[in-house]
N, C-alpha and C. Protein backbone atom coordinates (compact mmCIF):
# COMPACT_ATOMS: atom_id res chain seq x y z
N UNK A 1 42.70 117.25 67.03
CA UNK A 1 44.13 117.32 66.68
C UNK A 1 44.85 118.16 67.73
N UNK A 2 45.91 117.64 68.28
CA UNK A 2 46.65 118.37 69.30
C UNK A 2 47.92 118.94 68.72
N UNK A 3 48.50 119.96 69.41
CA UNK A 3 49.67 120.64 68.91
C UNK A 3 50.69 120.80 70.03
N UNK A 4 51.98 120.57 69.70
CA UNK A 4 53.06 120.74 70.66
C UNK A 4 54.12 121.59 70.02
N UNK A 5 54.82 122.44 70.79
CA UNK A 5 55.87 123.29 70.27
C UNK A 5 57.21 122.91 70.87
N UNK A 6 58.24 122.90 70.04
CA UNK A 6 59.60 122.65 70.48
C UNK A 6 60.53 123.60 69.74
N UNK A 7 61.75 123.74 70.19
CA UNK A 7 62.74 124.55 69.51
C UNK A 7 63.40 123.73 68.43
N UNK A 8 63.52 124.29 67.21
CA UNK A 8 64.06 123.56 66.07
C UNK A 8 65.47 123.06 66.36
N UNK A 9 66.27 123.86 67.05
CA UNK A 9 67.65 123.46 67.34
C UNK A 9 67.75 122.15 68.08
N UNK A 10 66.76 121.84 68.93
CA UNK A 10 66.79 120.58 69.67
C UNK A 10 66.69 119.40 68.74
N UNK A 11 65.86 119.54 67.67
CA UNK A 11 65.73 118.47 66.69
C UNK A 11 67.04 118.25 65.95
N UNK A 12 67.72 119.34 65.60
CA UNK A 12 68.99 119.21 64.89
C UNK A 12 70.04 118.54 65.75
N UNK A 13 70.11 118.91 67.00
CA UNK A 13 71.09 118.30 67.91
C UNK A 13 70.83 116.82 68.03
N UNK A 14 69.55 116.45 68.16
CA UNK A 14 69.18 115.04 68.32
C UNK A 14 69.60 114.20 67.13
N UNK A 15 69.42 114.75 65.91
CA UNK A 15 69.68 113.97 64.70
C UNK A 15 71.10 114.10 64.18
N UNK A 16 71.66 115.32 64.21
CA UNK A 16 72.99 115.53 63.66
C UNK A 16 74.09 114.95 64.53
N UNK A 17 73.88 114.91 65.84
CA UNK A 17 74.93 114.47 66.74
C UNK A 17 74.57 113.17 67.44
N UNK A 18 73.76 112.36 66.79
CA UNK A 18 73.45 111.02 67.29
C UNK A 18 74.61 110.10 66.96
N UNK A 19 74.60 108.82 67.46
CA UNK A 19 75.73 107.91 67.24
C UNK A 19 76.05 107.70 65.76
N UNK A 20 77.23 107.18 65.50
CA UNK A 20 77.74 107.03 64.14
C UNK A 20 76.81 106.23 63.25
N UNK A 21 76.12 105.23 63.84
CA UNK A 21 75.27 104.41 62.99
C UNK A 21 74.08 105.19 62.45
N UNK A 22 73.82 106.39 62.99
CA UNK A 22 72.72 107.22 62.52
C UNK A 22 73.21 108.38 61.67
N UNK A 23 74.50 108.38 61.29
CA UNK A 23 75.09 109.55 60.63
C UNK A 23 74.51 109.81 59.26
N UNK A 24 73.84 108.81 58.64
CA UNK A 24 73.30 109.02 57.30
C UNK A 24 71.86 109.52 57.33
N UNK A 25 71.34 109.85 58.49
CA UNK A 25 69.97 110.34 58.58
C UNK A 25 69.96 111.81 58.19
N UNK A 26 69.15 112.15 57.17
CA UNK A 26 69.32 113.45 56.54
C UNK A 26 68.06 114.30 56.50
N UNK A 27 66.88 113.71 56.67
CA UNK A 27 65.64 114.48 56.51
C UNK A 27 64.53 113.89 57.36
N UNK A 28 63.45 114.65 57.49
CA UNK A 28 62.27 114.24 58.24
C UNK A 28 61.04 114.44 57.37
N UNK A 29 60.15 113.44 57.34
CA UNK A 29 58.88 113.59 56.63
C UNK A 29 57.96 114.51 57.42
N UNK A 30 57.50 115.59 56.78
CA UNK A 30 56.62 116.54 57.45
C UNK A 30 55.15 116.15 57.30
N UNK A 31 54.74 115.89 56.06
CA UNK A 31 53.34 115.57 55.79
C UNK A 31 53.24 114.45 54.78
N UNK A 32 52.21 113.65 54.90
CA UNK A 32 51.93 112.58 53.94
C UNK A 32 50.42 112.55 53.71
N UNK A 33 50.00 112.63 52.44
CA UNK A 33 48.60 112.49 52.07
C UNK A 33 48.47 111.36 51.07
N UNK A 34 47.36 110.65 51.11
CA UNK A 34 47.08 109.62 50.11
C UNK A 34 48.06 108.45 50.21
N UNK A 35 48.28 107.79 49.09
CA UNK A 35 49.14 106.61 49.05
C UNK A 35 50.58 107.01 48.79
N UNK A 36 51.45 106.75 49.78
CA UNK A 36 52.88 107.02 49.64
C UNK A 36 53.63 105.86 50.28
N UNK A 37 54.53 105.25 49.53
CA UNK A 37 55.33 104.12 50.03
C UNK A 37 56.79 104.50 50.10
N UNK A 38 57.51 103.81 50.98
CA UNK A 38 58.95 104.00 51.11
C UNK A 38 59.65 102.66 51.07
N UNK A 39 60.76 102.61 50.35
CA UNK A 39 61.68 101.48 50.39
C UNK A 39 62.95 102.00 51.04
N UNK A 40 63.16 101.62 52.29
CA UNK A 40 64.29 102.16 53.03
C UNK A 40 65.61 101.62 52.50
N UNK A 41 66.62 102.44 52.57
CA UNK A 41 67.94 102.06 52.08
C UNK A 41 68.41 100.77 52.74
N UNK A 42 68.86 99.84 51.91
CA UNK A 42 69.35 98.57 52.43
C UNK A 42 68.29 97.50 52.56
N UNK A 43 67.02 97.85 52.32
CA UNK A 43 65.94 96.86 52.40
C UNK A 43 65.36 96.63 51.01
N UNK A 44 64.51 95.62 50.89
CA UNK A 44 63.94 95.30 49.58
C UNK A 44 62.43 95.31 49.60
N UNK A 45 61.82 95.77 50.70
CA UNK A 45 60.37 95.78 50.81
C UNK A 45 59.81 97.17 50.94
N UNK A 46 58.55 97.33 50.55
CA UNK A 46 57.86 98.61 50.64
C UNK A 46 57.02 98.66 51.90
N UNK A 47 56.89 99.86 52.46
CA UNK A 47 56.00 100.10 53.58
C UNK A 47 55.39 101.48 53.42
N UNK A 48 54.29 101.71 54.10
CA UNK A 48 53.62 103.01 54.01
C UNK A 48 54.47 104.08 54.70
N UNK A 49 54.71 105.18 54.00
CA UNK A 49 55.45 106.29 54.59
C UNK A 49 54.53 107.05 55.54
N UNK A 50 55.03 107.35 56.73
CA UNK A 50 54.23 108.03 57.74
C UNK A 50 54.85 109.39 58.07
N UNK A 51 54.02 110.34 58.47
CA UNK A 51 54.57 111.62 58.94
C UNK A 51 55.50 111.42 60.12
N UNK A 52 56.57 112.18 60.16
CA UNK A 52 57.54 112.07 61.24
C UNK A 52 58.62 111.03 61.01
N UNK A 53 58.61 110.35 59.85
CA UNK A 53 59.63 109.35 59.53
C UNK A 53 60.98 110.03 59.30
N UNK A 54 62.02 109.51 59.92
CA UNK A 54 63.38 109.99 59.68
C UNK A 54 63.90 109.31 58.41
N UNK A 55 64.34 110.11 57.44
CA UNK A 55 64.80 109.58 56.15
C UNK A 55 66.31 109.52 56.09
N UNK A 56 66.82 108.46 55.48
CA UNK A 56 68.25 108.23 55.36
C UNK A 56 68.69 108.30 53.90
N UNK A 57 69.99 108.47 53.70
CA UNK A 57 70.58 108.47 52.37
C UNK A 57 70.20 107.18 51.64
N UNK A 58 69.60 107.31 50.46
CA UNK A 58 69.26 106.15 49.65
C UNK A 58 67.82 105.68 49.78
N UNK A 59 67.01 106.31 50.62
CA UNK A 59 65.61 105.92 50.74
C UNK A 59 64.85 106.27 49.46
N UNK A 60 64.01 105.33 49.02
CA UNK A 60 63.19 105.52 47.82
C UNK A 60 61.74 105.82 48.24
N UNK A 61 61.16 106.86 47.65
CA UNK A 61 59.78 107.25 47.96
C UNK A 61 58.96 107.20 46.69
N UNK A 62 57.77 106.56 46.76
CA UNK A 62 56.89 106.42 45.62
C UNK A 62 55.49 106.87 46.02
N UNK A 63 54.90 107.78 45.26
CA UNK A 63 53.56 108.27 45.55
C UNK A 63 52.57 107.71 44.55
N UNK A 64 51.34 107.43 45.02
CA UNK A 64 50.27 107.03 44.14
C UNK A 64 49.64 108.23 43.46
N UNK A 65 48.57 108.00 42.71
CA UNK A 65 47.94 109.06 41.93
C UNK A 65 47.56 110.26 42.79
N UNK A 66 47.02 110.02 43.96
CA UNK A 66 46.60 111.10 44.85
C UNK A 66 47.56 111.28 46.03
N UNK A 67 48.77 110.77 45.90
CA UNK A 67 49.73 110.85 46.99
C UNK A 67 50.47 112.18 47.03
N UNK A 68 50.97 112.50 48.20
CA UNK A 68 51.75 113.72 48.41
C UNK A 68 52.61 113.52 49.65
N UNK A 69 53.87 113.94 49.57
CA UNK A 69 54.76 113.89 50.73
C UNK A 69 55.63 115.13 50.76
N UNK A 70 55.82 115.70 51.93
CA UNK A 70 56.71 116.84 52.11
C UNK A 70 57.77 116.46 53.12
N UNK A 71 59.03 116.76 52.79
CA UNK A 71 60.13 116.43 53.69
C UNK A 71 61.01 117.65 53.88
N UNK A 72 61.74 117.66 54.99
CA UNK A 72 62.64 118.77 55.29
C UNK A 72 64.00 118.22 55.69
N UNK A 73 65.06 118.78 55.12
CA UNK A 73 66.41 118.36 55.48
C UNK A 73 66.77 118.93 56.86
N UNK A 74 67.46 118.14 57.64
CA UNK A 74 67.65 118.49 59.05
C UNK A 74 68.76 119.51 59.29
N UNK A 75 69.57 119.82 58.27
CA UNK A 75 70.66 120.76 58.51
C UNK A 75 70.27 122.21 58.28
N UNK A 76 69.37 122.47 57.31
CA UNK A 76 69.10 123.87 56.96
C UNK A 76 67.64 124.17 56.62
N UNK A 77 66.76 123.19 56.82
CA UNK A 77 65.32 123.37 56.59
C UNK A 77 64.96 123.49 55.11
N UNK A 78 65.83 123.07 54.19
CA UNK A 78 65.44 122.97 52.79
C UNK A 78 64.31 121.94 52.66
N UNK A 79 63.33 122.22 51.78
CA UNK A 79 62.15 121.38 51.66
C UNK A 79 62.01 120.79 50.26
N UNK A 80 61.52 119.56 50.20
CA UNK A 80 61.16 118.92 48.94
C UNK A 80 59.73 118.41 49.08
N UNK A 81 58.88 118.79 48.13
CA UNK A 81 57.49 118.34 48.12
C UNK A 81 57.29 117.43 46.92
N UNK A 82 56.81 116.22 47.17
CA UNK A 82 56.70 115.18 46.15
C UNK A 82 55.22 115.00 45.81
N UNK A 83 54.87 115.24 44.55
CA UNK A 83 53.49 115.15 44.11
C UNK A 83 53.11 113.70 43.73
N UNK A 84 51.86 113.54 43.26
CA UNK A 84 51.36 112.21 42.91
C UNK A 84 52.07 111.60 41.70
N UNK A 85 52.06 110.27 41.64
CA UNK A 85 52.67 109.51 40.54
C UNK A 85 54.14 109.88 40.35
N UNK A 86 54.88 109.90 41.43
CA UNK A 86 56.29 110.30 41.39
C UNK A 86 57.13 109.26 42.13
N UNK A 87 58.34 109.03 41.62
CA UNK A 87 59.29 108.13 42.29
C UNK A 87 60.64 108.83 42.39
N UNK A 88 61.17 108.91 43.61
CA UNK A 88 62.45 109.58 43.84
C UNK A 88 63.29 108.77 44.81
N UNK A 89 64.60 109.03 44.76
CA UNK A 89 65.52 108.52 45.78
C UNK A 89 66.13 109.74 46.45
N UNK A 90 66.02 109.78 47.78
CA UNK A 90 66.56 110.89 48.56
C UNK A 90 67.99 110.56 48.95
N UNK A 91 68.92 111.42 48.56
CA UNK A 91 70.33 111.15 48.84
C UNK A 91 70.95 112.32 49.59
N UNK A 92 71.94 112.02 50.41
CA UNK A 92 72.63 113.08 51.14
C UNK A 92 73.80 112.54 51.92
N UNK A 93 74.84 113.35 52.03
CA UNK A 93 76.03 112.96 52.78
C UNK A 93 76.33 114.05 53.80
N UNK A 94 76.39 113.65 55.06
CA UNK A 94 76.61 114.60 56.15
C UNK A 94 78.09 114.81 56.40
N UNK A 95 78.51 116.08 56.45
CA UNK A 95 79.90 116.42 56.73
C UNK A 95 79.95 117.74 57.47
N UNK A 96 80.53 117.72 58.66
CA UNK A 96 80.70 118.94 59.47
C UNK A 96 79.38 119.69 59.65
N UNK A 97 78.32 118.95 59.93
CA UNK A 97 77.03 119.56 60.21
C UNK A 97 76.27 120.04 58.99
N UNK A 98 76.79 119.79 57.79
CA UNK A 98 76.12 120.21 56.56
C UNK A 98 75.90 118.98 55.67
N UNK A 99 74.77 118.97 54.95
CA UNK A 99 74.43 117.83 54.12
C UNK A 99 74.55 118.19 52.64
N UNK A 100 75.34 117.41 51.90
CA UNK A 100 75.38 117.52 50.44
C UNK A 100 74.16 116.79 49.91
N UNK A 101 73.24 117.50 49.28
CA UNK A 101 71.91 116.98 48.98
C UNK A 101 71.73 116.67 47.50
N UNK A 102 71.06 115.54 47.24
CA UNK A 102 70.72 115.18 45.87
C UNK A 102 69.42 114.39 45.89
N UNK A 103 68.56 114.65 44.91
CA UNK A 103 67.35 113.87 44.70
C UNK A 103 67.41 113.28 43.30
N UNK A 104 67.33 111.96 43.20
CA UNK A 104 67.25 111.30 41.90
C UNK A 104 65.77 111.03 41.61
N UNK A 105 65.26 111.62 40.53
CA UNK A 105 63.85 111.45 40.17
C UNK A 105 63.74 110.52 38.97
N UNK A 106 62.98 109.46 39.12
CA UNK A 106 62.74 108.51 38.02
C UNK A 106 61.65 109.05 37.10
N UNK A 107 60.58 109.55 37.69
CA UNK A 107 59.49 110.17 36.94
C UNK A 107 58.61 110.92 37.93
N UNK A 108 57.85 111.90 37.41
CA UNK A 108 56.89 112.59 38.26
C UNK A 108 57.20 114.06 38.44
N UNK A 109 56.65 114.63 39.53
CA UNK A 109 56.69 116.06 39.77
C UNK A 109 57.08 116.35 41.21
N UNK A 110 57.98 117.30 41.39
CA UNK A 110 58.33 117.72 42.74
C UNK A 110 58.59 119.22 42.77
N UNK A 111 58.49 119.78 43.97
CA UNK A 111 58.83 121.17 44.20
C UNK A 111 59.98 121.22 45.19
N UNK A 112 61.01 121.97 44.88
CA UNK A 112 62.17 122.12 45.76
C UNK A 112 62.24 123.56 46.24
N UNK A 113 62.24 123.75 47.55
CA UNK A 113 62.38 125.06 48.18
C UNK A 113 63.67 125.02 49.00
N UNK A 114 64.75 125.48 48.38
CA UNK A 114 66.09 125.21 48.88
C UNK A 114 66.71 126.45 49.52
N UNK A 115 67.18 126.28 50.74
CA UNK A 115 67.91 127.35 51.42
C UNK A 115 69.31 127.49 50.80
N UNK A 116 69.94 128.62 51.01
CA UNK A 116 71.30 128.86 50.54
C UNK A 116 72.23 127.76 51.07
N UNK A 117 72.90 127.05 50.17
CA UNK A 117 73.74 125.92 50.57
C UNK A 117 75.12 126.39 51.00
N UNK A 118 75.57 125.83 52.13
CA UNK A 118 76.89 126.20 52.64
C UNK A 118 78.00 125.51 51.88
N UNK A 119 77.74 124.29 51.41
CA UNK A 119 78.76 123.53 50.69
C UNK A 119 78.14 122.93 49.44
N UNK A 120 78.63 123.33 48.25
CA UNK A 120 78.17 122.75 47.00
C UNK A 120 76.75 123.15 46.64
N UNK A 121 76.19 122.45 45.66
CA UNK A 121 74.85 122.72 45.17
C UNK A 121 73.88 121.67 45.67
N UNK A 122 72.61 122.02 45.65
CA UNK A 122 71.54 121.04 45.76
C UNK A 122 71.28 120.53 44.35
N UNK A 123 71.21 119.21 44.18
CA UNK A 123 71.14 118.61 42.84
C UNK A 123 69.89 117.74 42.72
N UNK A 124 69.16 117.93 41.61
CA UNK A 124 68.10 117.00 41.23
C UNK A 124 68.50 116.39 39.90
N UNK A 125 68.52 115.06 39.84
CA UNK A 125 68.99 114.38 38.63
C UNK A 125 67.95 113.39 38.14
N UNK A 126 67.72 113.41 36.82
CA UNK A 126 66.85 112.44 36.15
C UNK A 126 67.70 111.66 35.15
N UNK A 127 67.05 110.83 34.35
CA UNK A 127 67.79 110.12 33.31
C UNK A 127 68.21 111.05 32.18
N UNK A 128 67.59 112.25 32.10
CA UNK A 128 67.86 113.19 31.02
C UNK A 128 68.71 114.38 31.46
N UNK A 129 68.49 114.87 32.70
CA UNK A 129 69.03 116.17 33.08
C UNK A 129 69.55 116.19 34.50
N UNK A 130 70.32 117.26 34.77
CA UNK A 130 70.75 117.59 36.13
C UNK A 130 70.39 119.05 36.38
N UNK A 131 69.70 119.31 37.49
CA UNK A 131 69.39 120.67 37.92
C UNK A 131 70.20 120.96 39.17
N UNK A 132 71.00 122.04 39.14
CA UNK A 132 71.89 122.38 40.24
C UNK A 132 71.57 123.79 40.74
N UNK A 133 71.45 123.93 42.07
CA UNK A 133 71.13 125.23 42.64
C UNK A 133 71.91 125.45 43.94
N UNK A 134 72.12 126.72 44.27
CA UNK A 134 72.66 127.09 45.57
C UNK A 134 71.54 127.35 46.57
N UNK A 135 70.43 127.88 46.08
CA UNK A 135 69.31 128.20 46.93
C UNK A 135 68.22 128.85 46.09
N UNK A 136 67.02 128.27 46.05
CA UNK A 136 65.97 128.77 45.18
C UNK A 136 64.68 128.00 45.41
N UNK A 137 63.67 128.29 44.58
CA UNK A 137 62.37 127.65 44.65
C UNK A 137 61.95 127.33 43.22
N UNK A 138 61.69 126.05 42.93
CA UNK A 138 61.33 125.68 41.55
C UNK A 138 60.58 124.36 41.53
N UNK A 139 59.92 124.13 40.39
CA UNK A 139 59.26 122.85 40.11
C UNK A 139 60.09 122.06 39.11
N UNK A 140 60.08 120.73 39.27
CA UNK A 140 60.71 119.81 38.31
C UNK A 140 59.68 118.76 37.91
N UNK A 141 59.42 118.66 36.61
CA UNK A 141 58.50 117.66 36.08
C UNK A 141 59.30 116.76 35.14
N UNK A 142 59.37 115.48 35.46
CA UNK A 142 60.27 114.58 34.74
C UNK A 142 59.53 113.40 34.12
N UNK A 143 59.86 113.12 32.87
CA UNK A 143 59.31 111.97 32.14
C UNK A 143 60.46 111.34 31.37
N UNK A 144 60.76 110.06 31.61
CA UNK A 144 61.89 109.42 30.92
C UNK A 144 61.77 109.43 29.40
N UNK A 145 60.53 109.53 28.88
CA UNK A 145 60.31 109.48 27.43
C UNK A 145 60.41 110.86 26.81
N UNK A 146 59.77 111.85 27.41
CA UNK A 146 59.71 113.19 26.80
C UNK A 146 60.74 114.17 27.36
N UNK A 147 61.30 113.86 28.53
CA UNK A 147 62.32 114.73 29.10
C UNK A 147 61.83 115.49 30.32
N UNK A 148 62.47 116.61 30.62
CA UNK A 148 62.24 117.33 31.85
C UNK A 148 61.77 118.76 31.60
N UNK A 149 60.90 119.23 32.50
CA UNK A 149 60.45 120.63 32.50
C UNK A 149 60.80 121.21 33.85
N UNK A 150 61.50 122.35 33.85
CA UNK A 150 61.88 123.01 35.09
C UNK A 150 61.26 124.41 35.09
N UNK A 151 60.46 124.71 36.12
CA UNK A 151 59.76 125.99 36.22
C UNK A 151 60.34 126.77 37.39
N UNK A 152 61.01 127.88 37.09
CA UNK A 152 61.64 128.68 38.12
C UNK A 152 60.64 129.61 38.80
N UNK A 153 60.65 129.61 40.13
CA UNK A 153 59.79 130.50 40.91
C UNK A 153 60.60 131.60 41.57
N UNK A 154 61.78 131.26 42.10
CA UNK A 154 62.70 132.22 42.70
C UNK A 154 64.12 131.77 42.40
N UNK A 155 65.07 132.71 42.46
CA UNK A 155 66.47 132.36 42.31
C UNK A 155 66.82 131.90 40.91
N UNK A 156 67.88 131.09 40.81
CA UNK A 156 68.43 130.67 39.52
C UNK A 156 68.81 129.19 39.61
N UNK A 157 68.43 128.45 38.57
CA UNK A 157 68.73 127.01 38.49
C UNK A 157 69.50 126.75 37.20
N UNK A 158 70.59 126.00 37.30
CA UNK A 158 71.32 125.58 36.11
C UNK A 158 70.80 124.23 35.67
N UNK A 159 70.25 124.16 34.46
CA UNK A 159 69.69 122.93 33.91
C UNK A 159 70.63 122.41 32.83
N UNK A 160 71.17 121.21 33.03
CA UNK A 160 72.14 120.62 32.11
C UNK A 160 71.61 119.32 31.54
N UNK A 161 71.68 119.16 30.24
CA UNK A 161 71.27 117.93 29.58
C UNK A 161 72.42 116.92 29.64
N UNK A 162 72.13 115.72 30.14
CA UNK A 162 73.16 114.70 30.32
C UNK A 162 73.62 114.08 29.00
N UNK A 163 72.80 114.17 27.96
CA UNK A 163 73.16 113.56 26.68
C UNK A 163 74.12 114.45 25.90
N UNK A 164 73.81 115.74 25.82
CA UNK A 164 74.60 116.66 24.99
C UNK A 164 75.56 117.52 25.79
N UNK A 165 75.31 117.66 27.09
CA UNK A 165 76.10 118.57 27.91
C UNK A 165 75.65 120.02 27.79
N UNK A 166 74.66 120.27 26.94
CA UNK A 166 74.12 121.63 26.79
C UNK A 166 73.43 122.05 28.08
N UNK A 167 73.56 123.34 28.44
CA UNK A 167 72.96 123.80 29.68
C UNK A 167 72.40 125.21 29.52
N UNK A 168 71.54 125.59 30.47
CA UNK A 168 70.95 126.92 30.48
C UNK A 168 70.54 127.26 31.90
N UNK A 169 70.63 128.55 32.25
CA UNK A 169 70.16 129.02 33.55
C UNK A 169 68.69 129.36 33.46
N UNK A 170 67.93 128.88 34.43
CA UNK A 170 66.49 129.10 34.48
C UNK A 170 66.17 129.95 35.70
N UNK A 171 65.61 131.14 35.48
CA UNK A 171 65.30 132.05 36.58
C UNK A 171 63.81 132.11 36.87
N UNK A 172 63.44 133.02 37.78
CA UNK A 172 62.04 133.20 38.13
C UNK A 172 61.25 133.64 36.91
N UNK A 173 60.07 133.04 36.71
CA UNK A 173 59.24 133.39 35.57
C UNK A 173 59.66 132.74 34.27
N UNK A 174 60.62 131.82 34.35
CA UNK A 174 61.16 131.16 33.16
C UNK A 174 60.99 129.65 33.28
N UNK A 175 60.73 129.00 32.15
CA UNK A 175 60.62 127.55 32.10
C UNK A 175 61.72 126.98 31.21
N UNK A 176 62.44 125.99 31.73
CA UNK A 176 63.45 125.30 30.95
C UNK A 176 62.99 123.90 30.58
N UNK A 177 63.29 123.48 29.37
CA UNK A 177 62.97 122.11 28.94
C UNK A 177 64.25 121.43 28.48
N UNK A 178 64.40 120.17 28.86
CA UNK A 178 65.56 119.37 28.49
C UNK A 178 65.05 118.03 27.98
N UNK A 179 65.40 117.68 26.74
CA UNK A 179 64.80 116.52 26.09
C UNK A 179 65.83 115.42 25.82
N UNK A 180 65.35 114.19 25.62
CA UNK A 180 66.26 113.07 25.38
C UNK A 180 67.09 113.19 24.10
N UNK A 181 66.73 114.11 23.20
CA UNK A 181 67.55 114.30 22.00
C UNK A 181 68.72 115.24 22.24
N UNK A 182 68.84 115.74 23.49
CA UNK A 182 70.00 116.55 23.85
C UNK A 182 69.76 118.05 23.89
N UNK A 183 68.57 118.51 23.54
CA UNK A 183 68.33 119.94 23.46
C UNK A 183 67.90 120.52 24.81
N UNK A 184 68.24 121.78 25.04
CA UNK A 184 67.80 122.54 26.21
C UNK A 184 67.28 123.88 25.71
N UNK A 185 66.07 124.25 26.11
CA UNK A 185 65.48 125.50 25.69
C UNK A 185 64.83 126.19 26.89
N UNK A 186 64.73 127.52 26.84
CA UNK A 186 64.05 128.28 27.88
C UNK A 186 63.00 129.18 27.25
N UNK A 187 61.94 129.46 28.00
CA UNK A 187 60.87 130.32 27.53
C UNK A 187 60.18 130.95 28.74
N UNK A 188 59.37 131.96 28.47
CA UNK A 188 58.60 132.58 29.54
C UNK A 188 57.56 131.58 30.06
N UNK A 189 57.40 131.54 31.38
CA UNK A 189 56.49 130.58 31.97
C UNK A 189 55.03 130.97 31.73
N UNK A 190 54.25 130.00 31.29
CA UNK A 190 52.80 130.15 31.23
C UNK A 190 52.25 129.80 32.61
N UNK A 191 51.63 130.75 33.31
CA UNK A 191 51.14 130.46 34.67
C UNK A 191 50.22 129.26 34.75
N UNK A 192 49.52 128.97 33.67
CA UNK A 192 48.60 127.82 33.66
C UNK A 192 49.35 126.49 33.75
N UNK A 193 50.65 126.52 33.45
CA UNK A 193 51.44 125.28 33.47
C UNK A 193 52.11 125.01 34.81
N UNK A 194 51.97 125.93 35.76
CA UNK A 194 52.58 125.73 37.08
C UNK A 194 51.72 124.77 37.89
N UNK A 195 52.28 123.66 38.37
CA UNK A 195 51.49 122.70 39.15
C UNK A 195 50.91 123.34 40.42
N UNK A 196 49.86 122.72 40.94
CA UNK A 196 49.25 123.18 42.18
C UNK A 196 49.97 122.52 43.35
N UNK A 197 50.39 123.35 44.31
CA UNK A 197 51.04 122.86 45.52
C UNK A 197 49.95 122.69 46.59
N UNK A 198 49.62 121.44 46.97
CA UNK A 198 48.54 121.25 47.95
C UNK A 198 48.88 121.77 49.34
N UNK A 199 50.15 122.09 49.56
CA UNK A 199 50.59 122.57 50.86
C UNK A 199 50.94 124.06 50.82
N UNK A 200 50.60 124.74 49.73
CA UNK A 200 50.94 126.16 49.59
C UNK A 200 50.31 126.97 50.72
N UNK A 201 51.16 127.71 51.46
CA UNK A 201 50.67 128.55 52.54
C UNK A 201 50.26 127.80 53.78
N UNK A 202 50.58 126.50 53.83
CA UNK A 202 50.11 125.71 54.97
C UNK A 202 50.92 125.88 56.23
N UNK A 203 52.16 126.39 56.14
CA UNK A 203 53.02 126.51 57.31
C UNK A 203 53.58 127.92 57.39
N UNK A 204 53.46 128.61 58.53
CA UNK A 204 54.05 129.94 58.67
C UNK A 204 55.55 129.88 58.46
N UNK A 205 56.15 130.96 57.98
CA UNK A 205 57.56 130.97 57.65
C UNK A 205 58.45 130.83 58.88
N UNK A 206 57.92 131.12 60.08
CA UNK A 206 58.73 131.02 61.29
C UNK A 206 58.51 129.72 62.03
N UNK A 207 57.83 128.76 61.39
CA UNK A 207 57.58 127.48 62.03
C UNK A 207 57.69 126.36 61.02
N UNK A 208 58.01 125.18 61.52
CA UNK A 208 57.95 123.96 60.73
C UNK A 208 56.84 123.09 61.32
N UNK A 209 56.00 122.57 60.45
CA UNK A 209 54.86 121.76 60.87
C UNK A 209 55.09 120.32 60.47
N UNK A 210 55.09 119.41 61.44
CA UNK A 210 55.25 117.99 61.17
C UNK A 210 54.03 117.25 61.72
N UNK A 211 53.40 116.47 60.87
CA UNK A 211 52.25 115.69 61.29
C UNK A 211 52.72 114.30 61.73
N UNK A 212 52.31 113.88 62.93
CA UNK A 212 52.68 112.59 63.48
C UNK A 212 51.42 111.74 63.69
N UNK A 213 51.53 110.46 63.37
CA UNK A 213 50.40 109.56 63.54
C UNK A 213 50.52 108.84 64.87
N UNK A 214 49.49 108.93 65.70
CA UNK A 214 49.47 108.30 67.01
C UNK A 214 49.19 106.81 66.92
N UNK A 215 49.25 106.09 68.05
CA UNK A 215 49.07 104.64 68.07
C UNK A 215 47.69 104.18 67.60
N UNK A 216 46.70 105.06 67.70
CA UNK A 216 45.34 104.72 67.28
C UNK A 216 44.99 105.31 65.92
N UNK A 217 46.00 105.80 65.21
CA UNK A 217 45.78 106.36 63.88
C UNK A 217 45.43 107.83 63.88
N UNK A 218 45.35 108.44 65.06
CA UNK A 218 45.03 109.87 65.09
C UNK A 218 46.24 110.69 64.65
N UNK A 219 45.98 111.83 64.02
CA UNK A 219 47.04 112.70 63.52
C UNK A 219 47.25 113.85 64.49
N UNK A 220 48.48 114.03 64.92
CA UNK A 220 48.86 115.15 65.78
C UNK A 220 49.85 116.03 65.03
N UNK A 221 49.76 117.31 65.24
CA UNK A 221 50.64 118.27 64.55
C UNK A 221 51.68 118.80 65.52
N UNK A 222 52.94 118.67 65.12
CA UNK A 222 54.06 119.20 65.90
C UNK A 222 54.53 120.48 65.22
N UNK A 223 54.43 121.60 65.92
CA UNK A 223 54.91 122.87 65.42
C UNK A 223 56.26 123.17 66.06
N UNK A 224 57.28 123.31 65.18
CA UNK A 224 58.64 123.56 65.67
C UNK A 224 59.01 125.00 65.36
N UNK A 225 59.28 125.77 66.38
CA UNK A 225 59.66 127.16 66.20
C UNK A 225 61.05 127.26 65.59
N UNK A 226 61.21 128.07 64.55
CA UNK A 226 62.50 128.30 63.91
C UNK A 226 63.11 129.54 64.55
N UNK A 227 64.21 129.36 65.22
CA UNK A 227 64.85 130.48 65.92
C UNK A 227 65.81 131.22 65.01
C-alpha cells in the first residue's frame, strides 16, 4: 500500500471552484468496506461505490450487511459514517463556499461527526424524525417501523418528531428516542447500546485519509494534511 500527501486546501479549490456543471459536488468517499452500492443523482442504475468517489447532491448510498462507507464534506471536513444494512440519500446545496447539508435516512445506522456549521444546521431526516445540529458527534439508528434512536456523544442535537412536532435536545451521554406514535423521550445512554465504529481512531485528527482503488484493484491511501 502506498501513501501520498497533499494539502487539504488544494482539494477544496479543485472541487469548490470547478465549472458550474460541477457545482453540486459536495463530498468525497473516504473509505469503503464490504458491499456498498451507489445510485448517482439523475441515474436509475446501481454501481459499486469506490473510495475516492466524488458525491453529488441526491446520490443514494446503500450498504450490505457487512458494508461500511465513510464520506467527508468538501467545505468543512464534516464526516458521515454509514454502517451495514443502511440506505441514505446525501443532499447538499453549495452557496458562497459553504454547503447546506442534509442526509435522508430510509433505514439503518450512521455516525455524524459534524464541524461547526457556518450557515444553518446539519440535518438528518427519516420518515419519523428530524435531527438538527450546528456541530457535534452522534449516532442515528433509524427503523421505519419502530422509529429512531439518537445517541449523543458530543455537543447537542435537537430531535423533532415529524408526526407530533414534539422535540427534545439530546446531549452527550444521553439517548433520544422518537417513535411513529409521535412521542419523544430521552434517557441516560447505556454504553452497551452504542454501535461499534469500525473506523474509530483510524485517522489522525490533523489528517484526512482517503483510500483509492488503482487500475489493478490495489488500494492506495491518500493522506491529506489539514492546515
